[in-house]
Amino acid sequence: MKPVVEAPAVVPDEVNHVTTDEVVEVYPVATISIKDYGDVVADLYYDVAPNTVSNFIELANNGFYDGLTFHRVINNFMLQGGDPQGTGTGGAGYNIKGEFSANGVPNDLKHTTGVLSMARAFDPDSASSQFFIMSADAPHLDGEYAAFGKVTSGLDIIDQIESVKTNGQDKPLTDVVIEKITVDKKGMELPTVEKIIVQ
């Protein structure tokens, strides 16, 4: 699935009085509102990981993430959240297929600073609701986890959060609370989430 392409914009050229065509790619935009910190905004690349993005949007816009925390914070690596248990063991009650190359799904989005990706257990198809945001480049994750978006605003907030004090399990001593996540789908109709029911 390719990104939606808006109609070419006619841009007047002030000097030569000619027009040029500019093609603009449009992606769903997630706003992650973090209590006491502010908003982190990210584009969601459904052309890279369509089912992952559909799942994230469904959970976000149904209020699943409201009040959950970033339960794992590792300085110069990443922030992980989206677990209703707050321990790294919870999820949404189902799994989704891992959309990454080691699992047979093409995904060339690299785990660079600001990239969003899905957390999972050992099973490649065990991602559910937990996601992480990269605060540094981590090429060893490329092709092994389903990267699906990238921060466009709020990297300074990520920097602030990654410096919080944590315990031995990388859990912040003071909760970092996700007040809510909302996604503007930009008028797109995305496919129904393909879920793997957990027995």
N, C-alpha and C. Protein backbone atom coordinates (compact mmCIF):
# COMPACT_ATOMS: atom_id res chain seq x y z
N MET A 1 0.84 -1.19 0.00
CA MET A 1 0.00 0.00 0.00
C MET A 1 0.88 1.24 0.00
N LYS A 2 0.61 2.14 -0.91
CA LYS A 2 1.41 3.34 -1.03
C LYS A 2 0.76 4.48 -0.26
N PRO A 3 1.56 5.47 0.17
CA PRO A 3 0.97 6.61 0.87
C PRO A 3 0.04 7.38 -0.04
N VAL A 4 -0.98 7.97 0.57
CA VAL A 4 -1.90 8.80 -0.19
C VAL A 4 -1.14 9.98 -0.75
N VAL A 5 -1.39 10.27 -2.00
CA VAL A 5 -0.73 11.41 -2.64
C VAL A 5 -1.79 12.45 -2.94
N GLU A 6 -1.62 13.62 -2.36
CA GLU A 6 -2.56 14.69 -2.62
C GLU A 6 -2.40 15.18 -4.06
N ALA A 7 -3.45 15.80 -4.58
CA ALA A 7 -3.37 16.36 -5.93
C ALA A 7 -2.19 17.32 -6.01
N PRO A 8 -1.49 17.31 -7.14
CA PRO A 8 -0.34 18.21 -7.26
C PRO A 8 -0.72 19.65 -6.96
N ALA A 9 0.10 20.29 -6.16
CA ALA A 9 -0.16 21.68 -5.81
C ALA A 9 0.46 22.59 -6.86
N VAL A 10 -0.29 23.58 -7.30
CA VAL A 10 0.24 24.55 -8.26
C VAL A 10 0.92 25.65 -7.46
N VAL A 11 2.21 25.76 -7.64
CA VAL A 11 2.99 26.72 -6.87
C VAL A 11 3.48 27.83 -7.79
N PRO A 12 2.99 29.05 -7.61
CA PRO A 12 3.44 30.13 -8.50
C PRO A 12 4.91 30.44 -8.29
N ASP A 13 5.61 30.67 -9.37
CA ASP A 13 7.00 31.08 -9.31
C ASP A 13 7.03 32.61 -9.42
N GLU A 14 7.48 33.25 -8.34
CA GLU A 14 7.41 34.71 -8.26
C GLU A 14 8.24 35.39 -9.35
N VAL A 15 9.30 34.72 -9.81
CA VAL A 15 10.20 35.36 -10.77
C VAL A 15 9.76 35.14 -12.21
N ASN A 16 9.54 33.86 -12.56
CA ASN A 16 9.27 33.55 -13.96
C ASN A 16 7.79 33.40 -14.29
N HIS A 17 6.94 33.50 -13.29
CA HIS A 17 5.49 33.37 -13.50
C HIS A 17 5.13 32.05 -14.17
N VAL A 18 5.81 30.97 -13.72
CA VAL A 18 5.47 29.64 -14.20
C VAL A 18 5.02 28.82 -12.99
N THR A 19 4.50 27.65 -13.26
CA THR A 19 4.06 26.80 -12.16
C THR A 19 4.90 25.54 -12.11
N THR A 20 4.99 24.97 -10.92
CA THR A 20 5.68 23.69 -10.75
C THR A 20 4.74 22.76 -10.01
N ASP A 21 4.88 21.48 -10.25
CA ASP A 21 4.06 20.49 -9.56
C ASP A 21 4.83 19.95 -8.36
N GLU A 22 4.16 19.96 -7.21
CA GLU A 22 4.79 19.43 -6.00
C GLU A 22 3.90 18.32 -5.46
N VAL A 23 4.44 17.10 -5.35
CA VAL A 23 3.68 15.97 -4.84
C VAL A 23 3.95 15.84 -3.34
N VAL A 24 2.87 15.76 -2.57
CA VAL A 24 3.00 15.71 -1.12
C VAL A 24 2.47 14.37 -0.61
N GLU A 25 3.30 13.62 0.10
CA GLU A 25 2.85 12.37 0.71
C GLU A 25 2.18 12.70 2.04
N VAL A 26 1.05 12.03 2.29
CA VAL A 26 0.30 12.29 3.50
C VAL A 26 0.20 11.00 4.31
N TYR A 27 0.55 11.07 5.59
CA TYR A 27 0.46 9.93 6.48
C TYR A 27 -0.44 10.27 7.67
N PRO A 28 -1.03 9.24 8.31
CA PRO A 28 -1.72 9.50 9.58
C PRO A 28 -0.73 10.10 10.58
N VAL A 29 -1.24 10.99 11.43
CA VAL A 29 -0.40 11.68 12.40
C VAL A 29 -0.86 11.35 13.82
N ALA A 30 0.04 10.79 14.62
CA ALA A 30 -0.25 10.46 16.02
C ALA A 30 0.24 11.57 16.93
N THR A 31 -0.59 11.93 17.90
CA THR A 31 -0.18 12.88 18.94
C THR A 31 -0.20 12.13 20.26
N ILE A 32 0.97 11.99 20.86
CA ILE A 32 1.13 11.29 22.14
C ILE A 32 1.28 12.36 23.22
N SER A 33 0.23 12.51 24.03
CA SER A 33 0.23 13.54 25.08
C SER A 33 0.74 12.92 26.37
N ILE A 34 1.86 13.45 26.87
CA ILE A 34 2.53 12.89 28.04
C ILE A 34 2.43 13.87 29.20
N LYS A 35 1.85 13.41 30.29
CA LYS A 35 1.59 14.27 31.45
C LYS A 35 2.88 14.92 31.94
N ASP A 36 2.81 16.23 32.16
CA ASP A 36 3.91 17.05 32.67
C ASP A 36 5.05 17.27 31.67
N TYR A 37 4.92 16.70 30.48
CA TYR A 37 5.98 16.86 29.47
C TYR A 37 5.49 17.56 28.21
N GLY A 38 4.34 17.17 27.70
CA GLY A 38 3.84 17.77 26.47
C GLY A 38 3.53 16.73 25.41
N ASP A 39 3.43 17.19 24.18
CA ASP A 39 3.01 16.33 23.06
C ASP A 39 4.19 15.92 22.18
N VAL A 40 4.21 14.64 21.87
CA VAL A 40 5.13 14.09 20.87
C VAL A 40 4.28 13.74 19.65
N VAL A 41 4.66 14.24 18.50
CA VAL A 41 3.89 14.04 17.27
C VAL A 41 4.70 13.16 16.31
N ALA A 42 4.02 12.20 15.69
CA ALA A 42 4.73 11.27 14.80
C ALA A 42 3.89 10.94 13.58
N ASP A 43 4.55 10.79 12.44
CA ASP A 43 3.92 10.24 11.25
C ASP A 43 3.91 8.72 11.37
N LEU A 44 2.83 8.09 10.89
CA LEU A 44 2.70 6.64 10.92
C LEU A 44 2.75 6.11 9.50
N TYR A 45 3.74 5.27 9.22
CA TYR A 45 4.01 4.83 7.85
C TYR A 45 3.27 3.54 7.51
N TYR A 46 2.00 3.67 7.13
CA TYR A 46 1.20 2.49 6.83
C TYR A 46 1.66 1.79 5.56
N ASP A 47 2.43 2.47 4.72
CA ASP A 47 2.97 1.80 3.53
C ASP A 47 4.12 0.87 3.90
N VAL A 48 4.70 1.07 5.07
CA VAL A 48 5.80 0.22 5.56
C VAL A 48 5.26 -0.95 6.38
N ALA A 49 4.29 -0.67 7.27
CA ALA A 49 3.75 -1.68 8.18
C ALA A 49 2.25 -1.46 8.34
N PRO A 50 1.45 -1.83 7.33
CA PRO A 50 0.03 -1.47 7.32
C PRO A 50 -0.78 -2.03 8.48
N ASN A 51 -0.59 -3.30 8.82
CA ASN A 51 -1.39 -3.87 9.91
C ASN A 51 -0.96 -3.30 11.25
N THR A 52 0.33 -3.07 11.41
CA THR A 52 0.84 -2.47 12.65
C THR A 52 0.25 -1.08 12.85
N VAL A 53 0.24 -0.29 11.80
CA VAL A 53 -0.31 1.07 11.90
C VAL A 53 -1.80 1.03 12.17
N SER A 54 -2.53 0.15 11.48
CA SER A 54 -3.97 0.04 11.72
C SER A 54 -4.25 -0.35 13.16
N ASN A 55 -3.45 -1.27 13.70
CA ASN A 55 -3.61 -1.69 15.09
C ASN A 55 -3.35 -0.54 16.05
N PHE A 56 -2.27 0.19 15.83
CA PHE A 56 -1.92 1.31 16.71
C PHE A 56 -3.03 2.36 16.69
N ILE A 57 -3.54 2.66 15.50
CA ILE A 57 -4.60 3.66 15.38
C ILE A 57 -5.87 3.20 16.08
N GLU A 58 -6.24 1.94 15.89
CA GLU A 58 -7.45 1.43 16.54
C GLU A 58 -7.33 1.52 18.06
N LEU A 59 -6.21 1.08 18.59
CA LEU A 59 -6.01 1.14 20.05
C LEU A 59 -6.02 2.59 20.53
N ALA A 60 -5.29 3.44 19.84
CA ALA A 60 -5.18 4.84 20.27
C ALA A 60 -6.53 5.54 20.25
N ASN A 61 -7.22 5.44 19.15
CA ASN A 61 -8.47 6.19 19.01
C ASN A 61 -9.62 5.58 19.80
N ASN A 62 -9.44 4.36 20.31
CA ASN A 62 -10.43 3.77 21.22
C ASN A 62 -10.07 4.01 22.69
N GLY A 63 -9.01 4.79 22.94
CA GLY A 63 -8.65 5.15 24.31
C GLY A 63 -7.85 4.12 25.07
N PHE A 64 -7.34 3.09 24.37
CA PHE A 64 -6.61 2.02 25.06
C PHE A 64 -5.40 2.55 25.82
N TYR A 65 -4.70 3.50 25.23
CA TYR A 65 -3.44 3.97 25.83
C TYR A 65 -3.64 5.03 26.92
N ASP A 66 -4.86 5.55 27.04
CA ASP A 66 -5.11 6.64 27.99
C ASP A 66 -4.78 6.22 29.42
N GLY A 67 -3.86 6.93 30.05
CA GLY A 67 -3.51 6.66 31.44
C GLY A 67 -2.43 5.62 31.64
N LEU A 68 -1.98 4.97 30.56
CA LEU A 68 -0.88 4.00 30.69
C LEU A 68 0.44 4.76 30.82
N THR A 69 1.52 4.03 31.00
CA THR A 69 2.81 4.67 31.27
C THR A 69 3.88 4.19 30.28
N PHE A 70 4.98 4.94 30.28
CA PHE A 70 6.23 4.44 29.72
C PHE A 70 6.91 3.72 30.87
N HIS A 71 6.78 2.40 30.88
CA HIS A 71 7.23 1.60 32.03
C HIS A 71 8.71 1.22 31.94
N ARG A 72 9.33 1.48 30.79
CA ARG A 72 10.74 1.11 30.59
C ARG A 72 11.43 2.25 29.86
N VAL A 73 12.45 2.81 30.50
CA VAL A 73 13.18 3.94 29.92
C VAL A 73 14.67 3.65 30.05
N ILE A 74 15.35 3.59 28.92
CA ILE A 74 16.80 3.34 28.92
C ILE A 74 17.48 4.50 28.21
N ASN A 75 18.30 5.21 28.96
CA ASN A 75 18.98 6.39 28.42
C ASN A 75 19.81 6.03 27.20
N ASN A 76 19.74 6.89 26.19
CA ASN A 76 20.48 6.71 24.94
C ASN A 76 20.09 5.41 24.22
N PHE A 77 18.84 5.01 24.38
CA PHE A 77 18.33 3.83 23.67
C PHE A 77 16.86 4.03 23.28
N MET A 78 15.93 3.91 24.26
CA MET A 78 14.52 4.01 23.90
C MET A 78 13.63 4.15 25.13
N LEU A 79 12.35 4.53 24.86
CA LEU A 79 11.28 4.55 25.86
C LEU A 79 10.25 3.54 25.41
N GLN A 80 9.76 2.71 26.33
CA GLN A 80 8.76 1.70 25.98
C GLN A 80 7.51 1.89 26.81
N GLY A 81 6.36 1.81 26.17
CA GLY A 81 5.09 1.98 26.87
C GLY A 81 3.98 1.21 26.20
N GLY A 82 2.75 1.43 26.70
CA GLY A 82 1.59 0.80 26.10
C GLY A 82 1.18 -0.51 26.72
N ASP A 83 1.68 -0.80 27.94
CA ASP A 83 1.34 -2.03 28.64
C ASP A 83 0.33 -1.73 29.74
N PRO A 84 -0.90 -2.29 29.67
CA PRO A 84 -1.88 -2.02 30.73
C PRO A 84 -1.46 -2.55 32.09
N GLN A 85 -0.54 -3.52 32.13
CA GLN A 85 -0.03 -4.03 33.40
C GLN A 85 1.08 -3.14 33.97
N GLY A 86 1.74 -2.39 33.09
CA GLY A 86 2.83 -1.53 33.53
C GLY A 86 4.09 -2.28 33.89
N THR A 87 4.19 -3.54 33.45
CA THR A 87 5.32 -4.38 33.83
C THR A 87 6.11 -4.90 32.63
N GLY A 88 5.58 -4.70 31.43
CA GLY A 88 6.21 -5.26 30.25
C GLY A 88 5.63 -6.60 29.85
N THR A 89 4.61 -7.07 30.58
CA THR A 89 4.03 -8.39 30.30
C THR A 89 2.62 -8.32 29.71
N GLY A 90 2.02 -7.14 29.66
CA GLY A 90 0.63 -7.02 29.23
C GLY A 90 0.48 -6.65 27.78
N GLY A 91 -0.78 -6.71 27.33
CA GLY A 91 -1.10 -6.35 25.96
C GLY A 91 -2.57 -6.09 25.80
N ALA A 92 -3.04 -6.19 24.56
CA ALA A 92 -4.43 -5.87 24.24
C ALA A 92 -5.33 -7.10 24.21
N GLY A 93 -4.78 -8.27 24.56
CA GLY A 93 -5.58 -9.49 24.55
C GLY A 93 -5.49 -10.26 23.25
N TYR A 94 -4.67 -9.79 22.35
CA TYR A 94 -4.42 -10.47 21.08
C TYR A 94 -3.05 -10.02 20.59
N ASN A 95 -2.53 -10.71 19.59
CA ASN A 95 -1.25 -10.34 18.98
C ASN A 95 -1.47 -9.97 17.52
N ILE A 96 -0.42 -9.42 16.91
CA ILE A 96 -0.44 -9.16 15.47
C ILE A 96 0.85 -9.71 14.86
N LYS A 97 0.79 -9.96 13.56
CA LYS A 97 1.97 -10.47 12.86
C LYS A 97 3.07 -9.42 12.88
N GLY A 98 4.29 -9.86 13.12
CA GLY A 98 5.43 -8.96 13.12
C GLY A 98 5.80 -8.56 11.71
N GLU A 99 5.64 -7.28 11.39
CA GLU A 99 5.93 -6.80 10.04
C GLU A 99 7.39 -6.32 9.96
N PHE A 100 8.30 -7.29 9.88
CA PHE A 100 9.73 -6.99 9.75
C PHE A 100 10.39 -8.10 8.96
N SER A 101 11.54 -7.80 8.39
CA SER A 101 12.14 -8.68 7.39
C SER A 101 12.52 -10.06 7.93
N ALA A 102 12.97 -10.15 9.18
CA ALA A 102 13.33 -11.45 9.74
C ALA A 102 12.11 -12.36 9.88
N ASN A 103 10.92 -11.77 9.76
CA ASN A 103 9.67 -12.53 9.84
C ASN A 103 9.01 -12.65 8.46
N GLY A 104 9.80 -12.37 7.41
CA GLY A 104 9.30 -12.55 6.06
C GLY A 104 8.48 -11.41 5.50
N VAL A 105 8.51 -10.26 6.17
CA VAL A 105 7.73 -9.10 5.71
C VAL A 105 8.70 -7.96 5.41
N PRO A 106 8.72 -7.46 4.18
CA PRO A 106 9.63 -6.35 3.86
C PRO A 106 9.34 -5.12 4.72
N ASN A 107 10.37 -4.56 5.31
CA ASN A 107 10.24 -3.34 6.12
C ASN A 107 11.64 -2.73 6.20
N ASP A 108 11.85 -1.64 5.46
CA ASP A 108 13.19 -1.05 5.39
C ASP A 108 13.35 0.17 6.29
N LEU A 109 12.39 0.41 7.18
CA LEU A 109 12.50 1.54 8.10
C LEU A 109 13.52 1.21 9.18
N LYS A 110 14.57 2.01 9.28
CA LYS A 110 15.66 1.77 10.22
C LYS A 110 15.30 2.30 11.61
N HIS A 111 15.88 1.67 12.63
CA HIS A 111 15.66 2.10 14.01
C HIS A 111 16.63 3.23 14.36
N THR A 112 16.30 4.40 13.83
CA THR A 112 17.07 5.60 14.11
C THR A 112 16.32 6.45 15.13
N THR A 113 16.97 7.49 15.62
CA THR A 113 16.37 8.36 16.63
C THR A 113 14.99 8.85 16.17
N GLY A 114 14.00 8.68 17.06
CA GLY A 114 12.65 9.14 16.78
C GLY A 114 11.73 8.12 16.15
N VAL A 115 12.25 6.97 15.76
CA VAL A 115 11.42 5.95 15.13
C VAL A 115 10.57 5.23 16.18
N LEU A 116 9.30 4.96 15.82
CA LEU A 116 8.40 4.15 16.64
C LEU A 116 8.44 2.72 16.14
N SER A 117 8.42 1.76 17.07
CA SER A 117 8.48 0.36 16.70
C SER A 117 7.70 -0.44 17.74
N MET A 118 7.33 -1.66 17.37
CA MET A 118 6.54 -2.50 18.27
C MET A 118 7.43 -3.39 19.12
N ALA A 119 7.14 -3.40 20.42
CA ALA A 119 7.80 -4.33 21.33
C ALA A 119 7.16 -5.70 21.16
N ARG A 120 7.92 -6.73 21.46
CA ARG A 120 7.40 -8.09 21.36
C ARG A 120 8.21 -9.01 22.26
N ALA A 121 7.69 -10.23 22.44
CA ALA A 121 8.44 -11.26 23.14
C ALA A 121 9.29 -12.02 22.11
N PHE A 122 9.77 -13.21 22.47
CA PHE A 122 10.63 -13.97 21.57
C PHE A 122 9.91 -14.34 20.28
N ASP A 123 8.64 -14.71 20.38
CA ASP A 123 7.84 -15.06 19.21
C ASP A 123 7.73 -13.84 18.28
N PRO A 124 8.08 -13.99 17.01
CA PRO A 124 8.03 -12.83 16.11
C PRO A 124 6.62 -12.26 15.91
N ASP A 125 5.60 -13.07 16.19
CA ASP A 125 4.22 -12.62 16.04
C ASP A 125 3.57 -12.36 17.40
N SER A 126 4.32 -11.80 18.34
CA SER A 126 3.80 -11.59 19.69
C SER A 126 3.58 -10.12 20.04
N ALA A 127 3.77 -9.21 19.08
CA ALA A 127 3.47 -7.80 19.35
C ALA A 127 1.97 -7.64 19.59
N SER A 128 1.62 -6.66 20.43
CA SER A 128 0.21 -6.43 20.73
C SER A 128 -0.06 -4.93 20.83
N SER A 129 0.22 -4.37 22.01
CA SER A 129 -0.02 -2.93 22.22
C SER A 129 1.23 -2.16 22.59
N GLN A 130 2.25 -2.86 23.08
CA GLN A 130 3.44 -2.16 23.55
C GLN A 130 4.28 -1.67 22.37
N PHE A 131 4.74 -0.44 22.50
CA PHE A 131 5.57 0.17 21.46
C PHE A 131 6.73 0.88 22.12
N PHE A 132 7.73 1.21 21.33
CA PHE A 132 8.85 1.99 21.87
C PHE A 132 9.23 3.09 20.89
N ILE A 133 9.86 4.12 21.45
CA ILE A 133 10.32 5.26 20.68
C ILE A 133 11.83 5.34 20.84
N MET A 134 12.55 5.33 19.75
CA MET A 134 14.00 5.35 19.80
C MET A 134 14.51 6.73 20.24
N SER A 135 15.46 6.74 21.18
CA SER A 135 16.11 7.99 21.56
C SER A 135 17.56 8.02 21.06
N ALA A 136 17.93 6.99 20.31
CA ALA A 136 19.25 6.91 19.68
C ALA A 136 19.13 5.91 18.53
N ASP A 137 20.14 5.83 17.70
CA ASP A 137 20.15 4.84 16.62
C ASP A 137 20.47 3.46 17.19
N ALA A 138 19.76 2.43 16.71
CA ALA A 138 20.01 1.07 17.17
C ALA A 138 19.91 0.11 15.99
N PRO A 139 20.94 0.08 15.15
CA PRO A 139 20.88 -0.75 13.94
C PRO A 139 20.70 -2.24 14.20
N HIS A 140 21.05 -2.70 15.41
CA HIS A 140 20.88 -4.13 15.71
C HIS A 140 19.41 -4.53 15.78
N LEU A 141 18.50 -3.54 15.86
CA LEU A 141 17.06 -3.84 15.87
C LEU A 141 16.47 -3.89 14.47
N ASP A 142 17.20 -3.36 13.48
CA ASP A 142 16.68 -3.30 12.11
C ASP A 142 16.37 -4.70 11.59
N GLY A 143 15.17 -4.85 11.04
CA GLY A 143 14.76 -6.13 10.49
C GLY A 143 14.29 -7.13 11.51
N GLU A 144 14.37 -6.78 12.81
CA GLU A 144 13.99 -7.69 13.89
C GLU A 144 12.74 -7.24 14.63
N TYR A 145 12.36 -5.99 14.47
CA TYR A 145 11.18 -5.42 15.11
C TYR A 145 10.43 -4.59 14.08
N ALA A 146 9.11 -4.45 14.29
CA ALA A 146 8.26 -3.77 13.32
C ALA A 146 8.26 -2.26 13.54
N ALA A 147 9.20 -1.58 12.89
CA ALA A 147 9.22 -0.11 12.91
C ALA A 147 8.05 0.38 12.07
N PHE A 148 7.37 1.45 12.54
CA PHE A 148 6.15 1.85 11.83
C PHE A 148 5.88 3.34 11.80
N GLY A 149 6.77 4.15 12.35
CA GLY A 149 6.53 5.60 12.33
C GLY A 149 7.76 6.35 12.77
N LYS A 150 7.65 7.69 12.76
CA LYS A 150 8.78 8.51 13.18
C LYS A 150 8.29 9.84 13.74
N VAL A 151 8.93 10.25 14.83
CA VAL A 151 8.60 11.52 15.48
C VAL A 151 8.95 12.68 14.56
N THR A 152 8.01 13.61 14.42
CA THR A 152 8.23 14.82 13.64
C THR A 152 8.32 16.05 14.52
N SER A 153 7.85 15.93 15.76
CA SER A 153 7.90 17.03 16.72
C SER A 153 7.90 16.45 18.13
N GLY A 154 8.78 16.98 18.99
CA GLY A 154 8.81 16.52 20.37
C GLY A 154 10.00 15.68 20.75
N LEU A 155 11.04 15.65 19.92
CA LEU A 155 12.24 14.90 20.29
C LEU A 155 12.87 15.45 21.56
N ASP A 156 12.67 16.76 21.82
CA ASP A 156 13.18 17.34 23.06
C ASP A 156 12.49 16.73 24.27
N ILE A 157 11.22 16.35 24.11
CA ILE A 157 10.49 15.70 25.20
C ILE A 157 11.04 14.30 25.44
N ILE A 158 11.34 13.59 24.37
CA ILE A 158 11.97 12.27 24.50
C ILE A 158 13.29 12.39 25.25
N ASP A 159 14.06 13.41 24.93
CA ASP A 159 15.34 13.64 25.61
C ASP A 159 15.14 13.87 27.10
N GLN A 160 14.10 14.64 27.46
CA GLN A 160 13.82 14.90 28.87
C GLN A 160 13.45 13.61 29.60
N ILE A 161 12.58 12.82 28.99
CA ILE A 161 12.10 11.61 29.64
C ILE A 161 13.22 10.59 29.82
N GLU A 162 14.10 10.48 28.85
CA GLU A 162 15.12 9.43 28.95
C GLU A 162 16.15 9.70 30.04
N SER A 163 16.09 10.91 30.62
CA SER A 163 17.03 11.22 31.70
C SER A 163 16.42 11.03 33.09
N VAL A 164 15.17 10.50 33.17
CA VAL A 164 14.55 10.30 34.48
C VAL A 164 15.26 9.19 35.24
N LYS A 165 15.14 9.24 36.56
CA LYS A 165 15.73 8.18 37.39
C LYS A 165 14.88 6.91 37.27
N THR A 166 15.55 5.77 37.17
CA THR A 166 14.86 4.49 37.03
C THR A 166 15.38 3.48 38.05
N ASN A 167 14.63 2.39 38.23
CA ASN A 167 15.10 1.33 39.12
C ASN A 167 15.91 0.30 38.32
N GLY A 168 16.22 -0.81 38.94
CA GLY A 168 17.05 -1.83 38.30
C GLY A 168 16.41 -2.50 37.10
N GLN A 169 15.08 -2.36 36.97
CA GLN A 169 14.36 -2.92 35.81
C GLN A 169 14.06 -1.85 34.76
N ASP A 170 14.73 -0.70 34.88
CA ASP A 170 14.57 0.42 33.93
C ASP A 170 13.20 1.09 34.02
N LYS A 171 12.49 0.86 35.12
CA LYS A 171 11.18 1.49 35.33
C LYS A 171 11.38 2.83 36.01
N PRO A 172 10.81 3.91 35.47
CA PRO A 172 10.96 5.22 36.11
C PRO A 172 10.45 5.22 37.55
N LEU A 173 11.19 5.88 38.43
CA LEU A 173 10.78 5.96 39.84
C LEU A 173 9.52 6.80 39.98
N THR A 174 9.34 7.76 39.10
CA THR A 174 8.10 8.54 39.02
C THR A 174 7.44 8.22 37.69
N ASP A 175 6.17 7.81 37.75
CA ASP A 175 5.49 7.39 36.53
C ASP A 175 5.52 8.45 35.43
N VAL A 176 5.82 8.01 34.22
CA VAL A 176 5.72 8.85 33.03
C VAL A 176 4.43 8.44 32.34
N VAL A 177 3.40 9.26 32.48
CA VAL A 177 2.04 8.87 32.11
C VAL A 177 1.65 9.36 30.72
N ILE A 178 1.14 8.43 29.93
CA ILE A 178 0.54 8.77 28.64
C ILE A 178 -0.89 9.22 28.92
N GLU A 179 -1.14 10.51 28.83
CA GLU A 179 -2.51 10.98 29.08
C GLU A 179 -3.45 10.46 28.01
N LYS A 180 -3.03 10.52 26.77
CA LYS A 180 -3.83 9.97 25.67
C LYS A 180 -2.98 9.96 24.40
N ILE A 181 -3.40 9.12 23.48
CA ILE A 181 -2.84 9.13 22.13
C ILE A 181 -4.01 9.25 21.17
N THR A 182 -3.93 10.22 20.29
CA THR A 182 -4.95 10.37 19.25
C THR A 182 -4.26 10.34 17.89
N VAL A 183 -4.96 9.82 16.91
CA VAL A 183 -4.40 9.75 15.56
C VAL A 183 -5.37 10.40 14.58
N ASP A 184 -4.85 11.37 13.85
CA ASP A 184 -5.58 11.98 12.74
C ASP A 184 -5.29 11.14 11.50
N LYS A 185 -6.29 10.45 11.01
CA LYS A 185 -6.10 9.55 9.87
C LYS A 185 -6.06 10.28 8.54
N LYS A 186 -6.20 11.59 8.56
CA LYS A 186 -6.14 12.40 7.34
C LYS A 186 -7.16 11.93 6.30
N GLY A 187 -8.31 11.48 6.80
CA GLY A 187 -9.39 11.06 5.90
C GLY A 187 -9.21 9.69 5.29
N MET A 188 -8.18 8.96 5.70
CA MET A 188 -7.92 7.65 5.10
C MET A 188 -8.76 6.57 5.75
N GLU A 189 -9.15 5.59 4.94
CA GLU A 189 -9.79 4.39 5.45
C GLU A 189 -8.73 3.30 5.45
N LEU A 190 -8.33 2.87 6.63
CA LEU A 190 -7.29 1.85 6.73
C LEU A 190 -7.93 0.47 6.89
N PRO A 191 -7.20 -0.58 6.51
CA PRO A 191 -7.78 -1.93 6.59
C PRO A 191 -8.06 -2.36 8.02
N THR A 192 -9.00 -3.29 8.17
CA THR A 192 -9.31 -3.87 9.47
C THR A 192 -8.07 -4.59 10.00
N VAL A 193 -7.84 -4.47 11.30
CA VAL A 193 -6.66 -5.09 11.91
C VAL A 193 -6.78 -6.61 11.84
N GLU A 194 -5.73 -7.25 11.36
CA GLU A 194 -5.65 -8.72 11.39
C GLU A 194 -5.05 -9.13 12.72
N LYS A 195 -5.86 -9.80 13.54
CA LYS A 195 -5.46 -10.13 14.91
C LYS A 195 -5.21 -11.63 15.05
N ILE A 196 -4.24 -11.94 15.89
CA ILE A 196 -3.95 -13.33 16.26
C ILE A 196 -4.48 -13.50 17.67
N ILE A 197 -5.51 -14.32 17.84
CA ILE A 197 -6.12 -14.49 19.15
C ILE A 197 -5.20 -15.33 20.03
N VAL A 198 -4.94 -14.83 21.23
CA VAL A 198 -4.07 -15.52 22.17
C VAL A 198 -4.89 -16.53 22.95
N GLN A 199 -4.46 -17.78 22.94
CA GLN A 199 -5.19 -18.84 23.66
C GLN A 199 -4.82 -18.85 25.14
